[in-house]
Every structure is written in C-alpha cells, then in structure tokens.
C-alpha atoms as a PDB file:
ATOM      1  CA  MET A   1       0.000   0.000   0.000  1.00  0.00           C
ATOM      2  CA  VAL A   2       1.357   3.446  -0.951  1.00  0.00           C
ATOM      3  CA  LEU A   3       1.051   5.958   1.897  1.00  0.00           C
ATOM      4  CA  THR A   4       1.318   9.658   1.070  1.00  0.00           C
ATOM      5  CA  ILE A   5       1.889  12.322   3.714  1.00  0.00           C
ATOM      6  CA  PHE A   6       0.042  15.632   3.949  1.00  0.00           C
ATOM      7  CA  SER A   7      -0.266  18.438   6.496  1.00  0.00           C
ATOM      8  CA  LEU A   8      -1.902  17.393   9.781  1.00  0.00           C
ATOM      9  CA  SER A   9      -2.558  18.939  13.177  1.00  0.00           C
ATOM     10  CA  ILE A  10      -4.012  16.568  15.770  1.00  0.00           C
ATOM     11  CA  LYS A  11      -2.604  18.581  18.686  1.00  0.00           C
ATOM     12  CA  SER A  12      -0.581  21.742  18.744  1.00  0.00           C
ATOM     13  CA  ASP A  13       2.609  19.878  19.637  1.00  0.00           C
ATOM     14  CA  PHE A  14       2.473  17.580  16.585  1.00  0.00           C
ATOM     15  CA  MET A  15       5.022  18.204  13.829  1.00  0.00           C
ATOM     16  CA  ILE A  16       5.638  16.567  10.468  1.00  0.00           C
ATOM     17  CA  ASP A  17       9.023  15.071   9.734  1.00  0.00           C
ATOM     18  CA  LYS A  18       9.057  15.356   5.941  1.00  0.00           C
ATOM     19  CA  TYR A  19      12.209  13.295   5.693  1.00  0.00           C
ATOM     20  CA  GLN A  20      11.070  10.259   7.674  1.00  0.00           C
ATOM     21  CA  HIS A  21       7.408  10.447   6.499  1.00  0.00           C
ATOM     22  CA  THR A  22       6.023  10.480  10.028  1.00  0.00           C
ATOM     23  CA  TYR A  23       4.084  12.721  12.360  1.00  0.00           C
ATOM     24  CA  ARG A  24       6.016  13.648  15.481  1.00  0.00           C
ATOM     25  CA  ARG A  25       4.891  14.558  18.956  1.00  0.00           C
ATOM     26  CA  GLY A  26       7.987  15.496  20.845  1.00  0.00           C
ATOM     27  CA  GLY A  27      10.316  12.537  20.374  1.00  0.00           C
ATOM     28  CA  ASP A  28       7.606  10.068  19.337  1.00  0.00           C
ATOM     29  CA  ALA A  29       6.283   9.418  15.818  1.00  0.00           C
ATOM     30  CA  VAL A  30       2.834   8.593  14.478  1.00  0.00           C
ATOM     31  CA  THR A  31       2.752   6.922  11.056  1.00  0.00           C
ATOM     32  CA  LEU A  32       0.088   6.413   8.439  1.00  0.00           C
ATOM     33  CA  LEU A  33       0.706   2.683   8.699  1.00  0.00           C
ATOM     34  CA  GLN A  34      -0.362   2.856  12.348  1.00  0.00           C
ATOM     35  CA  PHE A  35      -3.522   4.684  11.317  1.00  0.00           C
ATOM     36  CA  GLN A  36      -4.324   2.054   8.653  1.00  0.00           C
ATOM     37  CA  VAL A  37      -3.745  -0.774  11.115  1.00  0.00           C
ATOM     38  CA  PHE A  38      -5.936   0.990  13.710  1.00  0.00           C
ATOM     39  CA  VAL A  39      -8.862   1.336  11.287  1.00  0.00           C
ATOM     40  CA  THR A  40      -8.509  -2.226   9.967  1.00  0.00           C
ATOM     41  CA  VAL A  41      -8.466  -3.731  13.469  1.00  0.00           C
ATOM     42  CA  ILE A  42     -11.649  -1.859  14.422  1.00  0.00           C
ATOM     43  CA  GLU A  43     -13.457  -2.780  11.196  1.00  0.00           C
ATOM     44  CA  SER A  44     -12.489  -6.454  11.427  1.00  0.00           C
ATOM     45  CA  LYS A  45     -12.847  -6.572  15.247  1.00  0.00           C
ATOM     46  CA  SER A  46      -9.857  -8.884  15.364  1.00  0.00           C
ATOM     47  CA  PHE A  47      -6.065  -8.683  15.328  1.00  0.00           C
ATOM     48  CA  THR A  48      -5.968 -11.971  13.406  1.00  0.00           C
ATOM     49  CA  LYS A  49      -8.350 -10.831  10.654  1.00  0.00           C
ATOM     50  CA  ALA A  50      -6.620  -7.456  10.436  1.00  0.00           C
ATOM     51  CA  SER A  51      -3.232  -9.128  10.007  1.00  0.00           C
ATOM     52  CA  GLU A  52      -4.626 -11.261   7.157  1.00  0.00           C
ATOM     53  CA  GLN A  53      -6.107  -8.232   5.398  1.00  0.00           C
ATOM     54  CA  LEU A  54      -2.953  -6.151   5.768  1.00  0.00           C
ATOM     55  CA  GLY A  55      -0.455  -8.909   5.011  1.00  0.00           C
ATOM     56  CA  LEU A  56       1.270  -8.465   8.374  1.00  0.00           C
ATOM     57  CA  SER A  57       1.927 -10.880  11.205  1.00  0.00           C
ATOM     58  CA  GLN A  58      -0.465 -10.791  14.160  1.00  0.00           C
ATOM     59  CA  SER A  59       2.342  -9.727  16.476  1.00  0.00           C
ATOM     60  CA  ALA A  60       3.240  -6.861  14.125  1.00  0.00           C
ATOM     61  CA  VAL A  61      -0.383  -5.647  14.185  1.00  0.00           C
ATOM     62  CA  SER A  62      -0.494  -5.862  17.980  1.00  0.00           C
ATOM     63  CA  GLN A  63       2.826  -4.052  18.345  1.00  0.00           C
ATOM     64  CA  THR A  64       1.729  -1.338  15.905  1.00  0.00           C
ATOM     65  CA  ILE A  65      -1.413  -0.627  17.931  1.00  0.00           C
ATOM     66  CA  SER A  66       0.531  -0.647  21.189  1.00  0.00           C
ATOM     67  CA  ALA A  67       3.060   1.807  19.709  1.00  0.00           C
ATOM     68  CA  LEU A  68       0.250   4.114  18.564  1.00  0.00           C
ATOM     69  CA  GLU A  69      -1.387   4.008  21.989  1.00  0.00           C
ATOM     70  CA  GLY A  70       1.958   4.669  23.634  1.00  0.00           C
ATOM     71  CA  THR A  71       2.691   7.644  21.396  1.00  0.00           C
ATOM     72  CA  LEU A  72      -0.738   9.204  21.933  1.00  0.00           C
ATOM     73  CA  GLY A  73      -0.806   8.315  25.627  1.00  0.00           C
ATOM     74  CA  VAL A  74      -4.324   6.862  25.514  1.00  0.00           C
ATOM     75  CA  MET A  75      -5.988   3.459  25.221  1.00  0.00           C
ATOM     76  CA  LEU A  76      -7.656   3.170  21.827  1.00  0.00           C
ATOM     77  CA  LEU A  77      -8.995  -0.407  21.961  1.00  0.00           C
ATOM     78  CA  ASN A  78     -10.814  -2.674  24.379  1.00  0.00           C
ATOM     79  CA  ARG A  79      -9.417  -6.184  24.148  1.00  0.00           C
ATOM     80  CA  SER A  80     -11.618  -9.092  25.276  1.00  0.00           C
ATOM     81  CA  ARG A  81     -12.425 -12.689  24.354  1.00  0.00           C
ATOM     82  CA  SER A  82     -15.515 -11.510  22.450  1.00  0.00           C
ATOM     83  CA  GLY A  83     -13.402  -9.324  20.172  1.00  0.00           C
ATOM     84  CA  ILE A  84     -11.849  -5.906  19.741  1.00  0.00           C
ATOM     85  CA  THR A  85     -13.884  -2.723  20.211  1.00  0.00           C
ATOM     86  CA  PRO A  86     -12.822   0.916  20.313  1.00  0.00           C
ATOM     87  CA  THR A  87     -12.763   2.792  23.606  1.00  0.00           C
ATOM     88  CA  LYS A  88     -14.645   6.090  23.799  1.00  0.00           C
ATOM     89  CA  ILE A  89     -11.415   7.885  22.946  1.00  0.00           C
ATOM     90  CA  GLY A  90     -10.803   5.357  20.166  1.00  0.00           C
ATOM     91  CA  GLU A  91     -14.235   6.049  18.654  1.00  0.00           C
ATOM     92  CA  HIS A  92     -13.517   9.771  18.661  1.00  0.00           C
ATOM     93  CA  MET A  93     -10.071   9.269  17.133  1.00  0.00           C
ATOM     94  CA  LEU A  94     -11.456   6.890  14.487  1.00  0.00           C
ATOM     95  CA  MET A  95     -13.364   9.651  12.719  1.00  0.00           C
ATOM     96  CA  HIS A  96     -10.226  11.791  12.433  1.00  0.00           C
ATOM     97  CA  VAL A  97      -8.034   8.884  11.369  1.00  0.00           C
ATOM     98  CA  ARG A  98     -10.448   7.867   8.602  1.00  0.00           C
ATOM     99  CA  GLU A  99     -10.446  11.441   7.329  1.00  0.00           C
ATOM    100  CA  ILE A 100      -6.638  11.478   7.346  1.00  0.00           C
ATOM    101  CA  LEU A 101      -6.515   8.272   5.302  1.00  0.00           C
ATOM    102  CA  ARG A 102      -9.233   9.535   2.953  1.00  0.00           C
ATOM    103  CA  ARG A 103      -7.346  12.741   2.236  1.00  0.00           C
ATOM    104  CA  THR A 104      -4.130  10.789   1.807  1.00  0.00           C
ATOM    105  CA  MET A 105      -5.840   8.706  -0.870  1.00  0.00           C
ATOM    106  CA  LEU A 106      -7.244  11.899  -2.400  1.00  0.00           C
ATOM    107  CA  ILE A 107      -3.762  13.400  -2.775  1.00  0.00           C
ATOM    108  CA  LYS A 108      -2.486  10.185  -4.367  1.00  0.00           C
ATOM    109  CA  GLN A 109      -5.416  10.070  -6.803  1.00  0.00           C
ATOM    110  CA  GLU A 110      -5.019  13.722  -7.768  1.00  0.00           C
ATOM    111  CA  ALA A 111      -1.307  13.205  -8.375  1.00  0.00           C
ATOM    112  CA  ASP A 112      -2.063  10.165 -10.532  1.00  0.00           C
ATOM    113  CA  ALA A 113      -4.732  12.125 -12.434  1.00  0.00           C
ATOM    114  CA  LEU A 114      -2.228  14.895 -13.205  1.00  0.00           C
ATOM    115  CA  ARG A 115       0.076  12.217 -14.622  1.00  0.00           C
ATOM    116  CA  GLY A 116      -2.761  10.888 -16.778  1.00  0.00           C
ATOM    117  CA  LEU A 117      -3.290   7.757 -14.670  1.00  0.00           C
ATOM    118  CA  GLU A 118      -6.866   6.676 -13.854  1.00  0.00           C
ATOM    119  CA  VAL A 119      -6.208   4.618 -10.738  1.00  0.00           C
ATOM    120  CA  GLY A 120      -7.321   4.561  -7.115  1.00  0.00           C
ATOM    121  CA  THR A 121      -9.941   3.099  -4.797  1.00  0.00           C
ATOM    122  CA  LEU A 122     -13.598   4.099  -4.594  1.00  0.00           C
ATOM    123  CA  ARG A 123     -15.788   3.028  -1.657  1.00  0.00           C
ATOM    124  CA  ILE A 124     -19.551   3.143  -2.204  1.00  0.00           C
ATOM    125  CA  GLY A 125     -22.372   2.528   0.267  1.00  0.00           C
ATOM    126  CA  SER A 126     -25.951   1.761  -0.753  1.00  0.00           C
ATOM    127  CA  ILE A 127     -29.266   0.718   0.748  1.00  0.00           C
ATOM    128  CA  PRO A 128     -30.403  -2.816  -0.223  1.00  0.00           C
ATOM    129  CA  GLY A 129     -33.008  -2.100  -2.916  1.00  0.00           C
ATOM    130  CA  ILE A 130     -30.807   0.155  -5.006  1.00  0.00           C
ATOM    131  CA  ALA A 131     -27.766  -2.074  -4.580  1.00  0.00           C
ATOM    132  CA  SER A 132     -29.591  -5.004  -6.169  1.00  0.00           C
ATOM    133  CA  LYS A 133     -30.864  -3.290  -9.326  1.00  0.00           C
ATOM    134  CA  LEU A 134     -29.531   0.134 -10.290  1.00  0.00           C
ATOM    135  CA  LEU A 135     -26.047   0.085  -8.780  1.00  0.00           C
ATOM    136  CA  PRO A 136     -24.706  -3.101 -10.473  1.00  0.00           C
ATOM    137  CA  LYS A 137     -25.407  -1.676 -13.938  1.00  0.00           C
ATOM    138  CA  ILE A 138     -23.686   1.609 -13.156  1.00  0.00           C
ATOM    139  CA  ILE A 139     -20.737  -0.160 -11.520  1.00  0.00           C
ATOM    140  CA  GLY A 140     -20.338  -2.592 -14.415  1.00  0.00           C
ATOM    141  CA  THR A 141     -20.094   0.138 -17.045  1.00  0.00           C
ATOM    142  CA  TYR A 142     -17.902   2.296 -14.795  1.00  0.00           C
ATOM    143  CA  ALA A 143     -15.466  -0.581 -14.217  1.00  0.00           C
ATOM    144  CA  SER A 144     -15.208  -1.097 -17.980  1.00  0.00           C
ATOM    145  CA  ARG A 145     -14.368   2.583 -18.516  1.00  0.00           C
ATOM    146  CA  PHE A 146     -11.941   2.850 -15.594  1.00  0.00           C
ATOM    147  CA  PRO A 147     -10.383  -0.598 -15.014  1.00  0.00           C
ATOM    148  CA  GLY A 148      -7.594   0.875 -12.891  1.00  0.00           C
ATOM    149  CA  ILE A 149      -9.992   2.039 -10.163  1.00  0.00           C
ATOM    150  CA  GLU A 150     -10.783  -0.512  -7.451  1.00  0.00           C
ATOM    151  CA  LEU A 151     -14.434  -0.512  -6.356  1.00  0.00           C
ATOM    152  CA  ILE A 152     -15.547  -1.507  -2.855  1.00  0.00           C
ATOM    153  CA  VAL A 153     -19.326  -1.663  -2.349  1.00  0.00           C
ATOM    154  CA  SER A 154     -21.020  -2.014   1.047  1.00  0.00           C
ATOM    155  CA  GLU A 155     -24.730  -2.433   1.725  1.00  0.00           C
ATOM    156  CA  GLY A 156     -26.526  -1.162   4.813  1.00  0.00           C
ATOM    157  CA  SER A 157     -29.612   0.567   6.121  1.00  0.00           C
ATOM    158  CA  GLN A 158     -30.233   4.210   5.251  1.00  0.00           C
ATOM    159  CA  GLU A 159     -29.039   5.227   8.704  1.00  0.00           C
ATOM    160  CA  GLU A 160     -25.888   3.107   8.407  1.00  0.00           C
ATOM    161  CA  VAL A 161     -24.923   4.375   4.944  1.00  0.00           C
ATOM    162  CA  THR A 162     -25.564   7.986   5.967  1.00  0.00           C
ATOM    163  CA  ASN A 163     -23.312   7.469   8.985  1.00  0.00           C
ATOM    164  CA  TRP A 164     -20.632   5.934   6.740  1.00  0.00           C
ATOM    165  CA  VAL A 165     -20.680   9.057   4.565  1.00  0.00           C
ATOM    166  CA  PHE A 166     -20.406  11.424   7.542  1.00  0.00           C
ATOM    167  CA  HIS A 167     -17.497   9.435   9.025  1.00  0.00           C
ATOM    168  CA  SER A 168     -15.614   8.896   5.719  1.00  0.00           C
ATOM    169  CA  VAL A 169     -16.101   5.118   5.785  1.00  0.00           C
ATOM    170  CA  VAL A 170     -17.314   5.413   2.185  1.00  0.00           C
ATOM    171  CA  ASP A 171     -16.582   8.042  -0.473  1.00  0.00           C
ATOM    172  CA  LEU A 172     -20.104   8.027  -1.899  1.00  0.00           C
ATOM    173  CA  GLY A 173     -23.494   6.883  -0.664  1.00  0.00           C
ATOM    174  CA  LEU A 174     -26.465   6.047  -2.891  1.00  0.00           C
ATOM    175  CA  LEU A 175     -29.415   7.200  -0.784  1.00  0.00           C
ATOM    176  CA  PRO A 176     -32.852   8.836  -0.753  1.00  0.00           C
ATOM    177  CA  LEU A 177     -32.616  12.631  -0.806  1.00  0.00           C
ATOM    178  CA  PRO A 178     -32.529  15.166   0.719  1.00  0.00           C
ATOM    179  CA  ILE A 179     -29.945  14.664   3.468  1.00  0.00           C
ATOM    180  CA  GLU A 180     -28.758  17.634   5.486  1.00  0.00           C
ATOM    181  CA  GLY A 181     -25.075  18.427   5.860  1.00  0.00           C
ATOM    182  CA  VAL A 182     -23.710  16.570   2.811  1.00  0.00           C
ATOM    183  CA  GLY A 183     -23.063  17.253  -0.836  1.00  0.00           C
ATOM    184  CA  SER A 184     -25.639  15.564  -3.078  1.00  0.00           C
ATOM    185  CA  PHE A 185     -26.179  14.740  -6.747  1.00  0.00           C
ATOM    186  CA  PRO A 186     -29.796  13.753  -7.619  1.00  0.00           C
ATOM    187  CA  LEU A 187     -29.988  10.832 -10.032  1.00  0.00           C
ATOM    188  CA  ILE A 188     -33.333   9.122 -10.308  1.00  0.00           C
ATOM    189  CA  GLN A 189     -36.928   8.971  -9.076  1.00  0.00           C
ATOM    190  CA  ASP A 190     -38.226   5.765  -7.493  1.00  0.00           C
ATOM    191  CA  HIS A 191     -41.970   5.036  -7.434  1.00  0.00           C
ATOM    192  CA  LEU A 192     -43.851   2.695  -5.102  1.00  0.00           C
ATOM    193  CA  GLN A 193     -45.411  -0.444  -6.570  1.00  0.00           C
ATOM    194  CA  VAL A 194     -48.032  -2.751  -5.030  1.00  0.00           C
ATOM    195  CA  PHE A 195     -48.029  -6.561  -5.299  1.00  0.00           C
ATOM    196  CA  LEU A 196     -51.298  -8.306  -4.494  1.00  0.00           C
ATOM    197  CA  THR A 197     -51.847 -11.877  -3.347  1.00  0.00           C
ATOM    198  CA  PRO A 198     -53.112 -14.394  -5.963  1.00  0.00           C
ATOM    199  CA  HIS A 199     -56.806 -13.932  -6.866  1.00  0.00           C
ATOM    200  CA  HIS A 200     -57.028 -10.701  -4.894  1.00  0.00           C
ATOM    201  CA  PRO A 201     -60.232  -8.788  -5.771  1.00  0.00           C
ATOM    202  CA  LEU A 202     -58.232  -5.651  -6.614  1.00  0.00           C
ATOM    203  CA  GLN A 203     -56.045  -7.325  -9.227  1.00  0.00           C
ATOM    204  CA  GLN A 204     -58.069  -5.944 -12.132  1.00  0.00           C
ATOM    205  CA  GLN A 205     -57.443  -2.350 -11.096  1.00  0.00           C
ATOM    206  CA  ALA A 206     -55.100  -0.184 -13.178  1.00  0.00           C
ATOM    207  CA  SER A 207     -53.731   1.442 -10.021  1.00  0.00           C
ATOM    208  CA  LEU A 208     -54.353   1.483  -6.299  1.00  0.00           C
ATOM    209  CA  SER A 209     -54.884   4.242  -3.762  1.00  0.00           C
ATOM    210  CA  ILE A 210     -53.781   4.467  -0.146  1.00  0.00           C
ATOM    211  CA  GLU A 211     -57.425   4.161   0.927  1.00  0.00           C
ATOM    212  CA  GLN A 212     -57.758   0.827  -0.910  1.00  0.00           C
ATOM    213  CA  LEU A 213     -54.850  -0.552   1.110  1.00  0.00           C
ATOM    214  CA  ALA A 214     -56.079   0.761   4.462  1.00  0.00           C
ATOM    215  CA  ASN A 215     -57.259  -2.640   5.736  1.00  0.00           C
ATOM    216  CA  GLU A 216     -54.737  -4.822   3.912  1.00  0.00           C
ATOM    217  CA  PRO A 217     -52.011  -6.692   5.864  1.00  0.00           C
ATOM    218  CA  LEU A 218     -48.847  -5.169   4.453  1.00  0.00           C
ATOM    219  CA  ILE A 219     -45.368  -6.596   3.975  1.00  0.00           C
ATOM    220  CA  LEU A 220     -42.779  -3.827   3.660  1.00  0.00           C
ATOM    221  CA  PRO A 221     -39.055  -3.864   2.884  1.00  0.00           C
ATOM    222  CA  LYS A 222     -37.037  -3.257   6.031  1.00  0.00           C
ATOM    223  CA  TYR A 223     -34.570  -0.356   5.863  1.00  0.00           C
ATOM    224  CA  SER A 224     -36.057   0.855   2.576  1.00  0.00           C
ATOM    225  CA  CYS A 225     -39.429   2.611   2.209  1.00  0.00           C
ATOM    226  CA  VAL A 226     -41.207   1.956   5.516  1.00  0.00           C
ATOM    227  CA  GLY A 227     -41.042   5.609   6.497  1.00  0.00           C
ATOM    228  CA  GLN A 228     -42.222   6.716   3.078  1.00  0.00           C
ATOM    229  CA  VAL A 229     -45.244   4.399   3.214  1.00  0.00           C
ATOM    230  CA  ARG A 230     -46.196   5.537   6.710  1.00  0.00           C
ATOM    231  CA  GLU A 231     -45.968   9.183   5.608  1.00  0.00           C
ATOM    232  CA  GLN A 232     -48.276   8.591   2.639  1.00  0.00           C
ATOM    233  CA  PHE A 233     -50.838   6.865   4.853  1.00  0.00           C
ATOM    234  CA  ALA A 234     -50.584   9.633   7.456  1.00  0.00           C
ATOM    235  CA  ALA A 235     -51.192  12.258   4.752  1.00  0.00           C
ATOM    236  CA  VAL A 236     -54.746  10.915   4.320  1.00  0.00           C
ATOM    237  CA  GLY A 237     -55.294  10.257   8.024  1.00  0.00           C
ATOM    238  CA  LEU A 238     -54.634   6.508   7.967  1.00  0.00           C
ATOM    239  CA  VAL A 239     -52.231   4.096   9.625  1.00  0.00           C
ATOM    240  CA  PRO A 240     -50.837   1.176   7.577  1.00  0.00           C
ATOM    241  CA  GLN A 241     -51.491  -2.334   8.882  1.00  0.00           C
ATOM    242  CA  VAL A 242     -47.893  -3.542   8.718  1.00  0.00           C
ATOM    243  CA  LEU A 243     -47.751  -7.294   9.191  1.00  0.00           C
ATOM    244  CA  PHE A 244     -44.028  -7.851   8.484  1.00  0.00           C
ATOM    245  CA  GLU A 245     -40.903  -5.866   7.675  1.00  0.00           C
ATOM    246  CA  VAL A 246     -38.542  -8.063   5.636  1.00  0.00           C
ATOM    247  CA  ARG A 247     -35.132  -7.163   4.214  1.00  0.00           C
ATOM    248  CA  ASP A 248     -34.961  -9.520   1.223  1.00  0.00           C
ATOM    249  CA  THR A 249     -37.131  -8.662  -1.800  1.00  0.00           C
ATOM    250  CA  ALA A 250     -37.334 -12.270  -2.998  1.00  0.00           C
ATOM    251  CA  THR A 251     -38.653 -13.340   0.406  1.00  0.00           C
ATOM    252  CA  ILE A 252     -41.267 -10.567   0.368  1.00  0.00           C
ATOM    253  CA  LEU A 253     -42.568 -11.595  -3.051  1.00  0.00           C
ATOM    254  CA  ALA A 254     -42.623 -15.263  -2.026  1.00  0.00           C
ATOM    255  CA  MET A 255     -44.750 -14.315   0.997  1.00  0.00           C
ATOM    256  CA  VAL A 256     -47.153 -12.478  -1.318  1.00  0.00           C
ATOM    257  CA  GLN A 257     -47.442 -15.558  -3.521  1.00  0.00           C
ATOM    258  CA  GLU A 258     -48.325 -17.602  -0.436  1.00  0.00           C
ATOM    259  CA  GLY A 259     -51.187 -15.219   0.328  1.00  0.00           C
ATOM    260  CA  ILE A 260     -49.643 -13.882   3.535  1.00  0.00           C
ATOM    261  CA  GLY A 261     -50.065 -10.216   2.693  1.00  0.00           C
ATOM    262  CA  VAL A 262     -49.800  -7.365   0.188  1.00  0.00           C
ATOM    263  CA  ALA A 263     -46.379  -5.904  -0.566  1.00  0.00           C
ATOM    264  CA  VAL A 264     -45.470  -2.282  -1.214  1.00  0.00           C
ATOM    265  CA  LEU A 265     -42.012  -1.996  -2.776  1.00  0.00           C
ATOM    266  CA  PRO A 266     -39.885   0.683  -4.431  1.00  0.00           C
ATOM    267  CA  GLU A 267     -39.729   0.067  -8.166  1.00  0.00           C
ATOM    268  CA  LEU A 268     -35.921  -0.094  -8.187  1.00  0.00           C
ATOM    269  CA  SER A 269     -35.884  -2.903  -5.624  1.00  0.00           C
ATOM    270  CA  ILE A 270     -37.897  -5.280  -7.833  1.00  0.00           C
ATOM    271  CA  PRO A 271     -35.797  -7.526 -10.114  1.00  0.00           C
ATOM    272  CA  THR A 272     -37.718  -8.378 -13.293  1.00  0.00           C
ATOM    273  CA  SER A 273     -36.990 -12.086 -12.843  1.00  0.00           C
ATOM    274  CA  LEU A 274     -38.876 -12.099  -9.518  1.00  0.00           C
ATOM    275  CA  HIS A 275     -42.173 -10.665 -10.756  1.00  0.00           C
ATOM    276  CA  PRO A 276     -44.892 -13.139  -9.617  1.00  0.00           C
ATOM    277  CA  THR A 277     -47.741 -10.881 -10.758  1.00  0.00           C
ATOM    278  CA  PRO A 278     -47.942  -7.481 -12.472  1.00  0.00           C
ATOM    279  CA  ALA A 279     -47.123  -4.578 -10.204  1.00  0.00           C
ATOM    280  CA  LEU A 280     -49.728  -1.872  -9.714  1.00  0.00           C
ATOM    281  CA  PRO A 281     -48.710   1.755  -9.184  1.00  0.00           C
ATOM    282  CA  LEU A 282     -49.650   3.374  -5.888  1.00  0.00           C
ATOM    283  CA  LEU A 283     -51.502   6.684  -6.308  1.00  0.00           C
ATOM    284  CA  PRO A 284     -51.233   9.527  -5.742  1.00  0.00           C
ATOM    285  CA  ALA A 285     -47.658   9.147  -6.922  1.00  0.00           C
ATOM    286  CA  SER A 286     -45.108  10.317  -4.380  1.00  0.00           C
ATOM    287  CA  PRO A 287     -41.742   9.233  -5.744  1.00  0.00           C
ATOM    288  CA  ARG A 288     -38.594   9.506  -3.705  1.00  0.00           C
ATOM    289  CA  THR A 289     -35.493  11.040  -5.243  1.00  0.00           C
ATOM    290  CA  LEU A 290     -32.361   8.918  -5.094  1.00  0.00           C
ATOM    291  CA  GLY A 291     -28.900  10.299  -5.517  1.00  0.00           C
ATOM    292  CA  LEU A 292     -25.234  10.118  -4.690  1.00  0.00           C
ATOM    293  CA  VAL A 293     -24.033  11.890  -1.554  1.00  0.00           C
ATOM    294  CA  THR A 294     -20.556  12.744  -0.335  1.00  0.00           C
ATOM    295  CA  ARG A 295     -19.283  14.263   2.876  1.00  0.00           C
ATOM    296  CA  CYS A 296     -17.855  17.319   1.119  1.00  0.00           C
ATOM    297  CA  ILE A 297     -18.127  18.259  -2.562  1.00  0.00           C
ATOM    298  CA  GLN A 298     -14.969  20.375  -2.360  1.00  0.00           C
ATOM    299  CA  THR A 299     -12.797  17.388  -1.390  1.00  0.00           C
ATOM    300  CA  VAL A 300     -14.372  14.665  -3.539  1.00  0.00           C
ATOM    301  CA  SER A 301     -11.737  12.371  -5.048  1.00  0.00           C
ATOM    302  CA  PRO A 302     -11.110  12.128  -8.807  1.00  0.00           C
ATOM    303  CA  ALA A 303     -12.424   8.534  -8.766  1.00  0.00           C
ATOM    304  CA  ALA A 304     -15.625   9.628  -6.996  1.00  0.00           C
ATOM    305  CA  SER A 305     -16.061  12.603  -9.317  1.00  0.00           C
ATOM    306  CA  LYS A 306     -15.762  10.312 -12.344  1.00  0.00           C
ATOM    307  CA  PHE A 307     -18.340   7.958 -10.809  1.00  0.00           C
ATOM    308  CA  VAL A 308     -20.861  10.765 -10.240  1.00  0.00           C
ATOM    309  CA  ILE A 309     -20.550  11.958 -13.834  1.00  0.00           C
ATOM    310  CA  HIS A 310     -20.728   8.398 -15.146  1.00  0.00           C
ATOM    311  CA  ALA A 311     -23.848   7.619 -13.065  1.00  0.00           C
ATOM    312  CA  GLN A 312     -25.575  10.774 -14.290  1.00  0.00           C
ATOM    313  CA  GLU A 313     -24.766   9.904 -17.908  1.00  0.00           C
ATOM    314  CA  TYR A 314     -25.947   6.318 -17.443  1.00  0.00           C
ATOM    315  CA  VAL A 315     -29.313   7.326 -15.954  1.00  0.00           C
ATOM    316  CA  LYS A 316     -29.872   9.990 -18.619  1.00  0.00           C
ATOM    317  CA  GLN A 317     -29.198   7.486 -21.412  1.00  0.00           C
ATOM    318  CA  ASP A 318     -30.735   4.265 -20.063  1.00  0.00           C
ATOM    319  CA  CYS A 319     -33.448   5.453 -17.638  1.00  0.00           C
ATOM    320  CA  PRO A 320     -34.623   8.850 -18.968  1.00  0.00           C
ATOM    321  CA  HIS A 321     -38.194   8.226 -17.752  1.00  0.00           C
ATOM    322  CA  LEU A 322     -36.912   7.963 -14.156  1.00  0.00           C
ATOM    323  CA  LEU A 323     -34.525  10.928 -14.302  1.00  0.00           C
ATOM    324  CA  ALA A 324     -34.656  13.108 -11.173  1.00  0.00           C
ATOM    325  CA  VAL A 325     -35.811  16.657 -11.889  1.00  0.00           C
END
C-alpha cells in the first residue's frame, strides 16, 4: 500500500518530519501505517483478521497498535475474548483517522490524475433495494471505462450508509434525498409499486390508492421505504397495517405468492426475474429522489467525481423516464 503524507494537526505539539514520512509529537512518531492498522483492526474486530487483510503478522499488528497508543498516551482499543472494540477515545479518534486516510488517498489520486493515470480506490455505500438493481449496472459500465480504479461496495440501512458518509467510511453513498449536511447529486426517481396476493379482488385495477390498502395486511421492505409508506398513509389520516418488515425482496414476493399479505415496494428494488404478478402503481404518486451523496463536494476524489458523472450519464441514457428533476 502506498502511503502519502500531507499536512496534519491533531494537537498543537504535533510536527511533520518530511524526511522520515512520520508525524512527530515530541520525540515520538505517528505513522500512516499505524492509522491504517488501527482502522482495519476496528473494522475487522480482530487482530488476526486485520493481520490477514494487511499482510502483516499478528504480532506486528499488535505491536503497531501498542506503539500508537503509547505515542498518543491513551488506550484506543478494548481487548476481550468476544473481540476488539474501540474505547470512547478510540471512537472519537477513528473519525479523524479515517479522514486522514481519505485525504491521503485523495492526494495520491489527484497526483495520478495529473500524470494521466486513472487509478485509485472508490468506496460506495448503498441501501439494499438500489444495490440489487440500479447500482450493479452503473458499476459494471464504470469498471469497464476505468479498469484501474478498485471498487468496494457495502450495503446497509439508510441510517448506516448515511453514517458511513459522515465518518468517511465510504466516499459516496447512494441514498434517498434530501440529506442535510452533505453534498448531493440527484440521479433518479423511485416510485412505489403494489403486489397483491393471488386472486385478490383488486387485481383488475389499473392502479391502487392508499385508501384501498387501508385494511390490507402489508409486507414492507425493512430499511427501505417503511417511512415513506407511513408518511403517505398519514397524509390521508390513515395508519398502515404492517404485518411484516422483511429485508430480502425475494422473500417478500414469495410471501405475497403464499397469500400472507400485500407488498409495497420501491420500483428499483424489484428484479424483473422475480415478478410473480404485475405490479400496480400506488396513487397519488409520491416518488422519492435517489442520488449520490458525499461528505464534502470540495474534497471529492477524482475517482468519486468520475463515478458521479458516469452515473448521471448512465441514468440519462438508459433510464430517462426515471430521471430526477
């Protein structure tokens, strides 16, 4: 791994030794390698797993963390049989360390871009529905255009992905908009679709209203559109009869086929191959806007900037009817 140094001020008595590529506090040194090891240990919750990911021995990982703690004069990790967790100080330091590593990568990518090299690493977070349908197509075409850029994709709830963006765990998040305090790039509109149980009396309708679903047992996608559905019901003075919240779309549609309940799903979360019955639009239409978000537009990396432009071009060309306005 190439580690590039840039200006840093954790405390007023820290100095940069530009010859030894370290940060100094008095006679002690803090290195970027220590920061990378620190983050990897916390994310993997294990010295053993961290050593495997970093290509270091377990003792080297342990010694690196101990040296970092000694230099800073604080305990960063709780060590127990159940695993490794950050202390309160460690959690606070983690946010700063991730930002240091992110900006280090940014400097390396910008230097490579100036030399005409399209290389680097891009970390993307997405909520489940989008990750299964829209994101793979964008990623596939992006990877073909920029084969030198490594892509790392993580899936989580809306709250998790938003937190990843704020704490620089990912460079970009694909999320419902708006989100306060971040830079955003609207991409696409996602409409709600209704799936009825076999032989349901409403199957011959061209569309369905909130009122028609008022007494239906509903199956909703967990971490996706539950809040949106509740808001639409509340707008007409109703409360949805939510029977289950399920994460996996295939499981939801299988439950519908078994007659367990009616499903309300975002259009982008529904793979064509899983359609058991035609989907009916939910009216009045209240689409959510989906887009890419980043912690700070001013410091977005070249790889992330290329991805945003590529995603916008892809949606405009292949999904013009869903284009966010």
